[in-house]
Amino acid sequence: MRWICVFVAAAIALQVPCVLAQDGLSSDQLRRMYDDAVVQLKTAQDRRNELARENEKLRSRLIQLEAIQKELDKVQREANIVADKTFEARSEHAAFQEFLAANPFIRIQWQAFSGKCLLDVPSCGDPLGVDWPLPDKLRN
């Protein structure tokens, strides 16, 4: 099958100059056509090489973008974890505030323990007259 294609191609190649010569084309015209074809082929090859370089640049950029996307996904997962922990902490804080609101004696003990004065006055002392142990940082 290959040999048949080769013979057919050779026969066509041999007949083309004869046909062209019969059309009245001189060797100079054939030479110019050949030179034009060579120039077109060189131009096409240069464009092909340019596209190959652009393709390589785009591949490297794609690899960079994939790395950035992986990093972004990692940061997003970490942000989700932090958001979950923040939500849990806020929920616990809100529940604790409700607990303190429902238990005034424990709220007073907590304020004394945490160093907050009940009246938010620096020298208010103990409004209930109870001797609470104050943290060392509040003792003068």
Protein backbone atom coordinates (compact mmCIF):
# COMPACT_ATOMS: atom_id res chain seq x y z
CA MET A 1 0.00 0.00 0.00
CA ARG A 2 2.84 2.37 0.85
CA TRP A 3 4.60 1.61 -2.39
CA ILE A 4 1.50 2.47 -4.33
CA CYS A 5 1.29 5.84 -2.60
CA VAL A 6 4.97 6.47 -3.30
CA PHE A 7 4.58 5.63 -6.99
CA VAL A 8 1.48 7.79 -7.31
CA ALA A 9 3.23 10.72 -5.58
CA ALA A 10 6.29 10.31 -7.83
CA ALA A 11 4.13 10.19 -10.94
CA ILE A 12 2.29 13.34 -9.91
CA ALA A 13 5.58 15.07 -9.08
CA LEU A 14 6.96 14.19 -12.50
CA GLN A 15 3.82 15.36 -14.28
CA VAL A 16 3.53 18.73 -12.49
CA PRO A 17 6.58 20.32 -14.20
CA CYS A 18 5.36 19.01 -17.55
CA VAL A 19 1.90 20.49 -17.00
CA LEU A 20 3.39 23.75 -15.80
CA ALA A 21 5.73 23.86 -18.77
CA GLN A 22 2.81 23.29 -21.08
CA ASP A 23 1.02 26.27 -19.50
CA GLY A 24 3.84 28.47 -20.66
CA LEU A 25 5.61 29.03 -17.34
CA SER A 26 9.30 29.67 -17.71
CA SER A 27 11.99 28.37 -15.39
CA ASP A 28 12.33 31.86 -13.88
CA GLN A 29 8.66 31.87 -12.98
CA LEU A 30 8.97 28.39 -11.52
CA ARG A 31 12.03 29.52 -9.55
CA ARG A 32 10.10 32.51 -8.16
CA MET A 33 7.20 30.27 -7.22
CA TYR A 34 9.64 27.91 -5.52
CA ASP A 35 11.31 30.79 -3.66
CA ASP A 36 7.90 32.12 -2.59
CA ALA A 37 6.94 28.68 -1.33
CA VAL A 38 10.23 28.45 0.60
CA VAL A 39 9.62 31.87 2.17
CA GLN A 40 6.10 30.85 3.12
CA LEU A 41 7.39 27.62 4.65
CA LYS A 42 10.05 29.51 6.63
CA THR A 43 7.42 31.98 7.83
CA ALA A 44 5.15 29.12 8.84
CA GLN A 45 8.03 27.40 10.67
CA ASP A 46 8.94 30.62 12.49
CA ARG A 47 5.31 31.09 13.52
CA ARG A 48 5.17 27.47 14.67
CA ASN A 49 8.29 28.01 16.80
CA GLU A 50 6.83 31.23 18.22
CA LEU A 51 3.61 29.43 19.12
CA ALA A 52 5.62 26.65 20.75
CA ARG A 53 7.43 29.25 22.91
CA GLU A 54 4.13 30.89 23.84
CA ASN A 55 2.70 27.47 24.66
CA GLU A 56 5.64 26.75 26.96
CA LYS A 57 5.17 30.11 28.71
CA LEU A 58 1.48 29.36 29.16
CA ARG A 59 2.29 25.91 30.58
CA SER A 60 4.65 27.43 33.15
CA ARG A 61 2.02 30.04 34.02
CA LEU A 62 -0.56 27.29 34.38
CA ILE A 63 1.73 25.41 36.77
CA GLN A 64 2.15 28.62 38.80
CA LEU A 65 -1.61 29.15 38.88
CA GLU A 66 -2.18 25.56 40.00
CA ALA A 67 0.31 26.08 42.85
CA ILE A 68 -1.43 29.33 43.81
CA GLN A 69 -4.81 27.56 43.70
CA LYS A 70 -3.51 24.81 46.00
CA GLU A 71 -2.22 27.45 48.42
CA LEU A 72 -5.54 29.29 48.24
CA ASP A 73 -7.43 26.07 48.99
CA LYS A 74 -5.13 25.43 51.96
CA VAL A 75 -5.68 28.95 53.31
CA GLN A 76 -9.44 28.59 52.79
CA ARG A 77 -9.48 25.33 54.77
CA GLU A 78 -7.49 26.99 57.57
CA ALA A 79 -9.87 29.97 57.53
CA ASN A 80 -12.82 27.60 57.82
CA ILE A 81 -11.20 25.86 60.79
CA VAL A 82 -10.54 29.21 62.49
CA ALA A 83 -14.12 30.31 61.78
CA ASP A 84 -15.44 27.11 63.36
CA LYS A 85 -13.27 27.62 66.44
CA THR A 86 -14.33 31.27 66.68
CA PHE A 87 -17.98 30.26 66.45
CA GLU A 88 -17.50 27.69 69.22
CA ALA A 89 -15.72 30.24 71.41
CA ARG A 90 -18.43 32.84 70.87
CA SER A 91 -21.13 30.27 71.59
CA GLU A 92 -19.42 29.26 74.82
CA HIS A 93 -18.99 32.90 75.80
CA ALA A 94 -22.67 33.64 75.13
CA ALA A 95 -23.71 30.57 77.12
CA PHE A 96 -21.40 31.63 79.95
CA GLN A 97 -22.88 35.15 79.95
CA GLU A 98 -26.38 33.66 80.17
CA PHE A 99 -25.22 31.43 83.02
CA LEU A 100 -23.79 34.44 84.88
CA ALA A 101 -26.98 36.42 84.27
CA ALA A 102 -29.06 33.60 85.73
CA ASN A 103 -26.75 33.20 88.75
CA PRO A 104 -25.95 36.62 90.26
CA PHE A 105 -23.86 35.24 93.15
CA ILE A 106 -21.63 33.32 90.75
CA ARG A 107 -21.44 36.45 88.56
CA ILE A 108 -20.17 38.44 91.53
CA GLN A 109 -17.63 35.73 92.33
CA TRP A 110 -16.52 35.65 88.70
CA GLN A 111 -16.11 39.42 88.58
CA ALA A 112 -14.07 39.33 91.76
CA PHE A 113 -11.99 36.46 90.42
CA SER A 114 -11.38 38.16 87.09
CA GLY A 115 -10.50 41.43 88.79
CA LYS A 116 -13.45 43.46 87.58
CA CYS A 117 -15.01 45.81 90.07
CA LEU A 118 -18.77 45.45 90.30
CA LEU A 119 -19.38 49.18 89.91
CA ASP A 120 -16.48 49.74 87.48
CA VAL A 121 -14.96 52.29 89.88
CA PRO A 122 -11.26 51.75 90.59
CA SER A 123 -11.53 52.15 94.37
CA CYS A 124 -14.98 50.77 94.97
CA GLY A 125 -13.86 48.13 97.45
CA ASP A 126 -16.21 45.25 98.13
CA PRO A 127 -19.84 46.38 97.80
CA LEU A 128 -21.22 43.30 99.53
CA GLY A 129 -18.84 43.41 102.47
CA VAL A 130 -17.46 39.96 101.64
CA ASP A 131 -13.75 39.37 101.93
CA TRP A 132 -12.90 38.13 98.43
CA PRO A 133 -9.38 37.06 97.61
CA LEU A 134 -8.11 39.47 94.99
CA PRO A 135 -5.53 38.54 92.40
CA ASP A 136 -1.99 39.76 93.08
CA LYS A 137 -2.10 42.20 90.19
CA LEU A 138 -4.93 44.16 91.89
CA ARG A 139 -3.37 44.42 95.31
CA ASN A 140 -1.62 47.72 96.02
